[in-house]
PDB file of N, CA and C in Angstrom:
ATOM      1  N   UNK A   1     -61.890  63.491  51.596  1.00  0.00           N
ATOM      2  CA  UNK A   1     -63.360  63.491  50.693  1.00  0.00           C
ATOM      3  C   UNK A   1     -64.061  62.231  51.563  1.00  0.00           C
ATOM      4  N   UNK A   2     -65.373  62.530  51.885  1.00  0.00           N
ATOM      5  CA  UNK A   2     -66.284  61.318  52.508  1.00  0.00           C
ATOM      6  C   UNK A   2     -67.553  61.653  52.140  1.00  0.00           C
ATOM      7  N   UNK A   3     -68.110  60.428  52.026  1.00  0.00           N
ATOM      8  CA  UNK A   3     -69.458  60.323  51.310  1.00  0.00           C
ATOM      9  C   UNK A   3     -70.688  60.559  52.528  1.00  0.00           C
ATOM     10  N   UNK A   4     -71.659  61.217  51.810  1.00  0.00           N
ATOM     11  CA  UNK A   4     -73.024  61.651  52.900  1.00  0.00           C
ATOM     12  C   UNK A   4     -74.031  61.100  52.188  1.00  0.00           C
ATOM     13  N   UNK A   5     -74.895  60.372  52.725  1.00  0.00           N
ATOM     14  CA  UNK A   5     -76.117  59.766  52.470  1.00  0.00           C
ATOM     15  C   UNK A   5     -76.705  61.141  51.957  1.00  0.00           C
ATOM     16  N   UNK A   6     -77.544  60.773  50.966  1.00  0.00           N
ATOM     17  CA  UNK A   6     -78.337  61.735  50.209  1.00  0.00           C
ATOM     18  C   UNK A   6     -79.544  62.404  51.114  1.00  0.00           C
ATOM     19  N   UNK A   7     -80.039  61.300  51.728  1.00  0.00           N
ATOM     20  CA  UNK A   7     -80.912  61.599  53.389  1.00  0.00           C
ATOM     21  C   UNK A   7     -80.441  62.386  54.291  1.00  0.00           C
ATOM     22  N   UNK A   8     -78.988  62.464  54.336  1.00  0.00           N
ATOM     23  CA  UNK A   8     -78.438  63.089  55.695  1.00  0.00           C
ATOM     24  C   UNK A   8     -78.064  64.430  55.380  1.00  0.00           C
ATOM     25  N   UNK A   9     -77.629  64.719  53.890  1.00  0.00           N
ATOM     26  CA  UNK A   9     -77.229  66.029  53.394  1.00  0.00           C
ATOM     27  C   UNK A   9     -78.362  66.992  53.258  1.00  0.00           C
ATOM     28  N   UNK A  10     -79.297  66.457  52.962  1.00  0.00           N
ATOM     29  CA  UNK A  10     -80.377  67.617  52.543  1.00  0.00           C
ATOM     30  C   UNK A  10     -81.536  67.095  53.558  1.00  0.00           C
ATOM     31  N   UNK A  11     -81.675  66.285  54.447  1.00  0.00           N
ATOM     32  CA  UNK A  11     -82.178  66.401  55.541  1.00  0.00           C
ATOM     33  C   UNK A  11     -83.481  67.337  55.802  1.00  0.00           C
ATOM     34  N   UNK A  12     -83.018  68.880  55.647  1.00  0.00           N
ATOM     35  CA  UNK A  12     -83.526  69.711  56.050  1.00  0.00           C
ATOM     36  C   UNK A  12     -84.823  70.152  55.112  1.00  0.00           C
ATOM     37  N   UNK A  13     -84.179  69.316  53.740  1.00  0.00           N
ATOM     38  CA  UNK A  13     -85.696  69.563  52.470  1.00  0.00           C
ATOM     39  C   UNK A  13     -86.649  68.323  52.469  1.00  0.00           C
ATOM     40  N   UNK A  14     -85.842  67.400  53.102  1.00  0.00           N
ATOM     41  CA  UNK A  14     -86.936  65.948  52.558  1.00  0.00           C
ATOM     42  C   UNK A  14     -87.452  65.690  53.655  1.00  0.00           C
ATOM     43  N   UNK A  15     -86.974  66.164  55.169  1.00  0.00           N
ATOM     44  CA  UNK A  15     -88.166  66.156  56.090  1.00  0.00           C
ATOM     45  C   UNK A  15     -89.579  66.610  56.114  1.00  0.00           C
ATOM     46  N   UNK A  16     -89.375  68.112  55.456  1.00  0.00           N
ATOM     47  CA  UNK A  16     -90.828  68.687  55.488  1.00  0.00           C
ATOM     48  C   UNK A  16     -91.440  68.107  54.084  1.00  0.00           C
ATOM     49  N   UNK A  17     -90.746  67.862  53.244  1.00  0.00           N
ATOM     50  CA  UNK A  17     -91.351  67.262  51.927  1.00  0.00           C
ATOM     51  C   UNK A  17     -91.983  65.874  51.907  1.00  0.00           C
ATOM     52  N   UNK A  18     -91.177  65.014  53.223  1.00  0.00           N
ATOM     53  CA  UNK A  18     -91.646  63.527  53.405  1.00  0.00           C
ATOM     54  C   UNK A  18     -92.677  63.654  54.531  1.00  0.00           C
ATOM     55  N   UNK A  19     -93.160  65.010  55.506  1.00  0.00           N
ATOM     56  CA  UNK A  19     -94.550  64.985  55.733  1.00  0.00           C
ATOM     57  C   UNK A  19     -95.876  65.422  55.108  1.00  0.00           C
ATOM     58  N   UNK A  20     -95.142  66.015  53.933  1.00  0.00           N
ATOM     59  CA  UNK A  20     -96.555  66.672  53.015  1.00  0.00           C
ATOM     60  C   UNK A  20     -96.630  65.070  51.948  1.00  0.00           C
ATOM     61  N   UNK A  21     -95.680  64.620  51.784  1.00  0.00           N
ATOM     62  CA  UNK A  21     -96.396  63.172  50.899  1.00  0.00           C
ATOM     63  C   UNK A  21     -97.149  62.510  51.751  1.00  0.00           C
ATOM     64  N   UNK A  22     -96.885  62.571  53.100  1.00  0.00           N
ATOM     65  CA  UNK A  22     -97.654  61.211  54.153  1.00  0.00           C
ATOM     66  C   UNK A  22     -99.091  62.366  54.051  1.00  0.00           C
ATOM     67  N   UNK A  23     -98.920  63.593  54.605  1.00  0.00           N
ATOM     68  CA  UNK A  23    -100.359  64.218  54.234  1.00  0.00           C
ATOM     69  C   UNK A  23    -101.407  64.105  53.426  1.00  0.00           C
ATOM     70  N   UNK A  24    -100.780  63.744  52.040  1.00  0.00           N
ATOM     71  CA  UNK A  24    -101.384  64.074  50.713  1.00  0.00           C
ATOM     72  C   UNK A  24    -101.416  62.233  50.458  1.00  0.00           C
ATOM     73  N   UNK A  25    -100.858  61.455  51.139  1.00  0.00           N
ATOM     74  CA  UNK A  25    -101.734  60.029  51.348  1.00  0.00           C
ATOM     75  C   UNK A  25    -102.415  59.712  51.909  1.00  0.00           C
ATOM     76  N   UNK A  26    -103.047  60.748  53.019  1.00  0.00           N
ATOM     77  CA  UNK A  26    -103.797  60.341  53.723  1.00  0.00           C
ATOM     78  C   UNK A  26    -105.213  60.996  53.205  1.00  0.00           C
ATOM     79  N   UNK A  27    -105.092  61.718  52.083  1.00  0.00           N
ATOM     80  CA  UNK A  27    -106.081  62.321  51.367  1.00  0.00           C
ATOM     81  C   UNK A  27    -106.568  61.517  50.165  1.00  0.00           C
ATOM     82  N   UNK A  28    -105.796  60.419  49.414  1.00  0.00           N
ATOM     83  CA  UNK A  28    -105.821  59.972  48.429  1.00  0.00           C
ATOM     84  C   UNK A  28    -106.629  58.552  48.667  1.00  0.00           C
ATOM     85  N   UNK A  29    -107.493  58.725  47.947  1.00  0.00           N
ATOM     86  CA  UNK A  29    -108.486  57.041  48.034  1.00  0.00           C
ATOM     87  C   UNK A  29    -108.191  56.087  47.305  1.00  0.00           C
ATOM     88  N   UNK A  30    -107.586  56.169  45.969  1.00  0.00           N
ATOM     89  CA  UNK A  30    -106.640  55.464  45.485  1.00  0.00           C
ATOM     90  C   UNK A  30    -105.572  54.769  46.376  1.00  0.00           C
ATOM     91  N   UNK A  31    -105.570  53.388  46.544  1.00  0.00           N
ATOM     92  CA  UNK A  31    -104.676  52.585  47.208  1.00  0.00           C
ATOM     93  C   UNK A  31    -102.971  52.730  46.923  1.00  0.00           C
ATOM     94  N   UNK A  32    -103.239  52.210  45.453  1.00  0.00           N
ATOM     95  CA  UNK A  32    -102.013  52.396  44.850  1.00  0.00           C
ATOM     96  C   UNK A  32    -101.169  53.691  44.723  1.00  0.00           C
ATOM     97  N   UNK A  33    -101.642  54.773  44.609  1.00  0.00           N
ATOM     98  CA  UNK A  33    -101.001  56.292  44.517  1.00  0.00           C
ATOM     99  C   UNK A  33    -100.945  56.229  46.279  1.00  0.00           C
ATOM    100  N   UNK A  34    -101.745  55.991  46.888  1.00  0.00           N
ATOM    101  CA  UNK A  34    -101.464  56.210  48.533  1.00  0.00           C
ATOM    102  C   UNK A  34    -100.034  55.493  48.770  1.00  0.00           C
ATOM    103  N   UNK A  35     -99.998  54.231  48.604  1.00  0.00           N
ATOM    104  CA  UNK A  35     -98.868  53.296  48.703  1.00  0.00           C
ATOM    105  C   UNK A  35     -97.352  54.218  48.209  1.00  0.00           C
ATOM    106  N   UNK A  36     -97.821  54.320  46.821  1.00  0.00           N
ATOM    107  CA  UNK A  36     -96.652  55.026  46.448  1.00  0.00           C
ATOM    108  C   UNK A  36     -95.916  56.331  47.270  1.00  0.00           C
ATOM    109  N   UNK A  37     -97.009  57.513  47.345  1.00  0.00           N
ATOM    110  CA  UNK A  37     -97.107  58.517  48.485  1.00  0.00           C
ATOM    111  C   UNK A  37     -95.895  57.972  49.607  1.00  0.00           C
ATOM    112  N   UNK A  38     -96.373  56.727  50.249  1.00  0.00           N
ATOM    113  CA  UNK A  38     -95.957  56.570  51.698  1.00  0.00           C
ATOM    114  C   UNK A  38     -94.797  55.906  51.877  1.00  0.00           C
ATOM    115  N   UNK A  39     -94.789  55.158  50.652  1.00  0.00           N
ATOM    116  CA  UNK A  39     -93.196  54.869  50.425  1.00  0.00           C
ATOM    117  C   UNK A  39     -92.306  55.465  49.710  1.00  0.00           C
ATOM    118  N   UNK A  40     -92.594  56.806  48.949  1.00  0.00           N
ATOM    119  CA  UNK A  40     -91.673  57.728  48.552  1.00  0.00           C
ATOM    120  C   UNK A  40     -91.449  58.429  50.026  1.00  0.00           C
ATOM    121  N   UNK A  41     -92.042  58.893  50.820  1.00  0.00           N
ATOM    122  CA  UNK A  41     -92.008  59.930  51.742  1.00  0.00           C
ATOM    123  C   UNK A  41     -91.046  59.085  52.859  1.00  0.00           C
ATOM    124  N   UNK A  42     -90.787  57.592  53.057  1.00  0.00           N
ATOM    125  CA  UNK A  42     -89.741  56.722  53.635  1.00  0.00           C
ATOM    126  C   UNK A  42     -88.574  56.560  53.152  1.00  0.00           C
ATOM    127  N   UNK A  43     -88.697  56.579  51.765  1.00  0.00           N
ATOM    128  CA  UNK A  43     -87.387  56.626  51.053  1.00  0.00           C
ATOM    129  C   UNK A  43     -86.510  57.719  51.254  1.00  0.00           C
ATOM    130  N   UNK A  44     -87.110  59.272  51.172  1.00  0.00           N
ATOM    131  CA  UNK A  44     -86.672  60.401  51.347  1.00  0.00           C
ATOM    132  C   UNK A  44     -85.738  60.328  52.456  1.00  0.00           C
ATOM    133  N   UNK A  45     -86.527  59.611  53.593  1.00  0.00           N
ATOM    134  CA  UNK A  45     -85.618  59.336  54.706  1.00  0.00           C
ATOM    135  C   UNK A  45     -84.563  58.380  55.115  1.00  0.00           C
ATOM    136  N   UNK A  46     -84.791  57.191  54.291  1.00  0.00           N
ATOM    137  CA  UNK A  46     -83.692  56.519  54.548  1.00  0.00           C
ATOM    138  C   UNK A  46     -82.779  55.834  53.345  1.00  0.00           C
ATOM    139  N   UNK A  47     -83.275  56.419  52.291  1.00  0.00           N
ATOM    140  CA  UNK A  47     -82.162  56.374  50.748  1.00  0.00           C
ATOM    141  C   UNK A  47     -82.110  55.061  50.335  1.00  0.00           C
ATOM    142  N   UNK A  48     -83.590  54.387  50.449  1.00  0.00           N
ATOM    143  CA  UNK A  48     -83.758  53.023  50.424  1.00  0.00           C
ATOM    144  C   UNK A  48     -85.169  53.493  49.334  1.00  0.00           C
ATOM    145  N   UNK A  49     -84.767  53.661  48.132  1.00  0.00           N
ATOM    146  CA  UNK A  49     -86.000  53.755  46.966  1.00  0.00           C
ATOM    147  C   UNK A  49     -86.411  52.752  46.350  1.00  0.00           C
ATOM    148  N   UNK A  50     -85.969  51.454  46.468  1.00  0.00           N
ATOM    149  CA  UNK A  50     -86.278  50.164  45.412  1.00  0.00           C
ATOM    150  C   UNK A  50     -87.650  50.200  45.772  1.00  0.00           C
ATOM    151  N   UNK A  51     -88.739  50.236  46.751  1.00  0.00           N
ATOM    152  CA  UNK A  51     -89.798  49.802  47.143  1.00  0.00           C
ATOM    153  C   UNK A  51     -90.680  51.065  46.613  1.00  0.00           C
ATOM    154  N   UNK A  52     -90.247  52.330  46.421  1.00  0.00           N
ATOM    155  CA  UNK A  52     -91.079  53.434  46.367  1.00  0.00           C
ATOM    156  C   UNK A  52     -91.011  53.072  44.332  1.00  0.00           C
ATOM    157  N   UNK A  53     -89.942  52.640  43.878  1.00  0.00           N
ATOM    158  CA  UNK A  53     -89.691  53.245  42.457  1.00  0.00           C
ATOM    159  C   UNK A  53     -90.797  52.097  41.937  1.00  0.00           C
ATOM    160  N   UNK A  54     -90.722  50.851  42.495  1.00  0.00           N
ATOM    161  CA  UNK A  54     -91.785  49.569  42.391  1.00  0.00           C
ATOM    162  C   UNK A  54     -92.710  50.019  42.055  1.00  0.00           C
ATOM    163  N   UNK A  55     -93.449  50.542  42.942  1.00  0.00           N
ATOM    164  CA  UNK A  55     -94.750  50.903  43.405  1.00  0.00           C
ATOM    165  C   UNK A  55     -94.784  52.101  42.330  1.00  0.00           C
ATOM    166  N   UNK A  56     -93.873  53.156  41.979  1.00  0.00           N
ATOM    167  CA  UNK A  56     -94.337  53.985  40.997  1.00  0.00           C
ATOM    168  C   UNK A  56     -94.397  53.178  39.845  1.00  0.00           C
ATOM    169  N   UNK A  57     -93.459  51.972  39.076  1.00  0.00           N
ATOM    170  CA  UNK A  57     -93.446  51.621  38.356  1.00  0.00           C
ATOM    171  C   UNK A  57     -95.025  50.843  38.204  1.00  0.00           C
ATOM    172  N   UNK A  58     -95.829  50.092  39.224  1.00  0.00           N
ATOM    173  CA  UNK A  58     -97.011  49.578  39.124  1.00  0.00           C
ATOM    174  C   UNK A  58     -97.800  50.922  38.950  1.00  0.00           C
ATOM    175  N   UNK A  59     -97.579  51.819  39.633  1.00  0.00           N
ATOM    176  CA  UNK A  59     -98.666  52.946  39.438  1.00  0.00           C
ATOM    177  C   UNK A  59     -98.759  53.614  37.990  1.00  0.00           C
ATOM    178  N   UNK A  60     -97.577  53.889  37.406  1.00  0.00           N
ATOM    179  CA  UNK A  60     -97.493  53.972  36.213  1.00  0.00           C
ATOM    180  C   UNK A  60     -97.952  53.333  34.989  1.00  0.00           C
ATOM    181  N   UNK A  61     -97.882  51.941  35.564  1.00  0.00           N
ATOM    182  CA  UNK A  61     -98.001  50.661  34.444  1.00  0.00           C
ATOM    183  C   UNK A  61    -100.031  50.653  34.449  1.00  0.00           C
ATOM    184  N   UNK A  62    -100.391  51.315  35.632  1.00  0.00           N
ATOM    185  CA  UNK A  62    -101.958  51.140  35.757  1.00  0.00           C
ATOM    186  C   UNK A  62    -102.422  52.390  35.234  1.00  0.00           C
ATOM    187  N   UNK A  63    -102.149  53.277  35.371  1.00  0.00           N
ATOM    188  CA  UNK A  63    -102.189  54.475  34.964  1.00  0.00           C
ATOM    189  C   UNK A  63    -102.297  54.480  33.275  1.00  0.00           C
ATOM    190  N   UNK A  64    -100.998  54.243  32.690  1.00  0.00           N
ATOM    191  CA  UNK A  64    -100.789  53.999  31.417  1.00  0.00           C
ATOM    192  C   UNK A  64    -102.162  53.148  30.488  1.00  0.00           C
ATOM    193  N   UNK A  65    -102.382  52.021  31.613  1.00  0.00           N
ATOM    194  CA  UNK A  65    -103.751  51.492  30.880  1.00  0.00           C
ATOM    195  C   UNK A  65    -104.555  52.042  30.842  1.00  0.00           C
ATOM    196  N   UNK A  66    -105.161  52.464  31.997  1.00  0.00           N
ATOM    197  CA  UNK A  66    -106.207  53.355  31.892  1.00  0.00           C
ATOM    198  C   UNK A  66    -106.514  54.683  31.064  1.00  0.00           C
ATOM    199  N   UNK A  67    -105.288  54.987  30.827  1.00  0.00           N
ATOM    200  CA  UNK A  67    -105.474  56.242  29.496  1.00  0.00           C
ATOM    201  C   UNK A  67    -105.572  55.854  28.691  1.00  0.00           C
ATOM    202  N   UNK A  68    -105.122  54.673  28.337  1.00  0.00           N
ATOM    203  CA  UNK A  68    -104.831  53.938  27.171  1.00  0.00           C
ATOM    204  C   UNK A  68    -106.304  53.533  26.775  1.00  0.00           C
ATOM    205  N   UNK A  69    -107.086  52.810  27.783  1.00  0.00           N
ATOM    206  CA  UNK A  69    -108.316  52.539  27.380  1.00  0.00           C
ATOM    207  C   UNK A  69    -109.313  53.556  27.253  1.00  0.00           C
ATOM    208  N   UNK A  70    -108.761  54.957  27.922  1.00  0.00           N
ATOM    209  CA  UNK A  70    -109.937  55.899  28.004  1.00  0.00           C
ATOM    210  C   UNK A  70    -109.768  56.692  26.908  1.00  0.00           C
ATOM    211  N   UNK A  71    -108.729  56.909  26.155  1.00  0.00           N
ATOM    212  CA  UNK A  71    -108.191  57.290  24.511  1.00  0.00           C
ATOM    213  C   UNK A  71    -108.883  56.266  23.536  1.00  0.00           C
ATOM    214  N   UNK A  72    -108.984  55.070  23.859  1.00  0.00           N
ATOM    215  CA  UNK A  72    -109.984  54.142  23.117  1.00  0.00           C
ATOM    216  C   UNK A  72    -111.065  54.101  22.972  1.00  0.00           C
ATOM    217  N   UNK A  73    -111.569  54.499  23.842  1.00  0.00           N
ATOM    218  CA  UNK A  73    -113.145  54.495  23.976  1.00  0.00           C
ATOM    219  C   UNK A  73    -113.814  55.863  23.607  1.00  0.00           C
ATOM    220  N   UNK A  74    -112.984  57.089  23.804  1.00  0.00           N
ATOM    221  CA  UNK A  74    -113.571  58.223  23.544  1.00  0.00           C
ATOM    222  C   UNK A  74    -113.142  58.451  21.874  1.00  0.00           C
ATOM    223  N   UNK A  75    -112.339  57.281  21.141  1.00  0.00           N
ATOM    224  CA  UNK A  75    -112.126  57.434  19.527  1.00  0.00           C
ATOM    225  C   UNK A  75    -113.279  56.853  19.245  1.00  0.00           C
ATOM    226  N   UNK A  76    -113.502  55.826  19.684  1.00  0.00           N
ATOM    227  CA  UNK A  76    -114.996  55.102  19.340  1.00  0.00           C
ATOM    228  C   UNK A  76    -115.950  56.191  19.586  1.00  0.00           C
ATOM    229  N   UNK A  77    -116.486  56.647  20.498  1.00  0.00           N
ATOM    230  CA  UNK A  77    -117.489  57.583  20.376  1.00  0.00           C
ATOM    231  C   UNK A  77    -117.392  58.705  19.741  1.00  0.00           C
ATOM    232  N   UNK A  78    -116.178  58.776  19.017  1.00  0.00           N
ATOM    233  CA  UNK A  78    -116.242  59.911  18.608  1.00  0.00           C
ATOM    234  C   UNK A  78    -116.183  59.539  17.006  1.00  0.00           C
ATOM    235  N   UNK A  79    -115.823  58.235  16.416  1.00  0.00           N
ATOM    236  CA  UNK A  79    -116.543  57.379  15.475  1.00  0.00           C
ATOM    237  C   UNK A  79    -117.408  57.165  15.023  1.00  0.00           C
ATOM    238  N   UNK A  80    -118.239  56.784  16.364  1.00  0.00           N
ATOM    239  CA  UNK A  80    -119.776  56.781  16.045  1.00  0.00           C
ATOM    240  C   UNK A  80    -120.287  58.121  16.187  1.00  0.00           C
ATOM    241  N   UNK A  81    -119.921  58.965  16.567  1.00  0.00           N
ATOM    242  CA  UNK A  81    -120.591  60.491  16.462  1.00  0.00           C
ATOM    243  C   UNK A  81    -120.586  60.667  14.935  1.00  0.00           C
ATOM    244  N   UNK A  82    -119.218  60.789  14.401  1.00  0.00           N
ATOM    245  CA  UNK A  82    -119.436  61.563  12.942  1.00  0.00           C
ATOM    246  C   UNK A  82    -119.708  60.348  12.237  1.00  0.00           C
ATOM    247  N   UNK A  83    -120.032  59.178  12.130  1.00  0.00           N
ATOM    248  CA  UNK A  83    -120.974  58.030  11.657  1.00  0.00           C
ATOM    249  C   UNK A  83    -122.417  58.321  11.689  1.00  0.00           C
ATOM    250  N   UNK A  84    -123.017  59.037  12.727  1.00  0.00           N
ATOM    251  CA  UNK A  84    -124.330  59.545  13.401  1.00  0.00           C
ATOM    252  C   UNK A  84    -124.502  60.574  12.245  1.00  0.00           C
ATOM    253  N   UNK A  85    -123.621  61.284  12.637  1.00  0.00           N
ATOM    254  CA  UNK A  85    -123.613  62.676  11.878  1.00  0.00           C
ATOM    255  C   UNK A  85    -124.087  62.651  10.295  1.00  0.00           C
ATOM    256  N   UNK A  86    -123.483  61.771   9.498  1.00  0.00           N
ATOM    257  CA  UNK A  86    -123.302  61.558   8.325  1.00  0.00           C
ATOM    258  C   UNK A  86    -124.677  60.866   7.621  1.00  0.00           C
TER     259      UNK A  86
END
């Protein structure tokens, strides 16, 4: 039995996927999303996922904070709206 790196065993799937990730990254305006997509594409080819996982953590933290702020603002607007209607 011999261990084969994931990127070698599934290269036929990972190379086209990495290419699509890079194409998507070129279309994205948000720098943190673009960085994640580029790093994940690289990770698919070299099996080094640490940097892309760190980028995902920062990205999800950023999205989580944005979503929380957005939900808080929408709750405030709904509360003010119901107060105004009353």
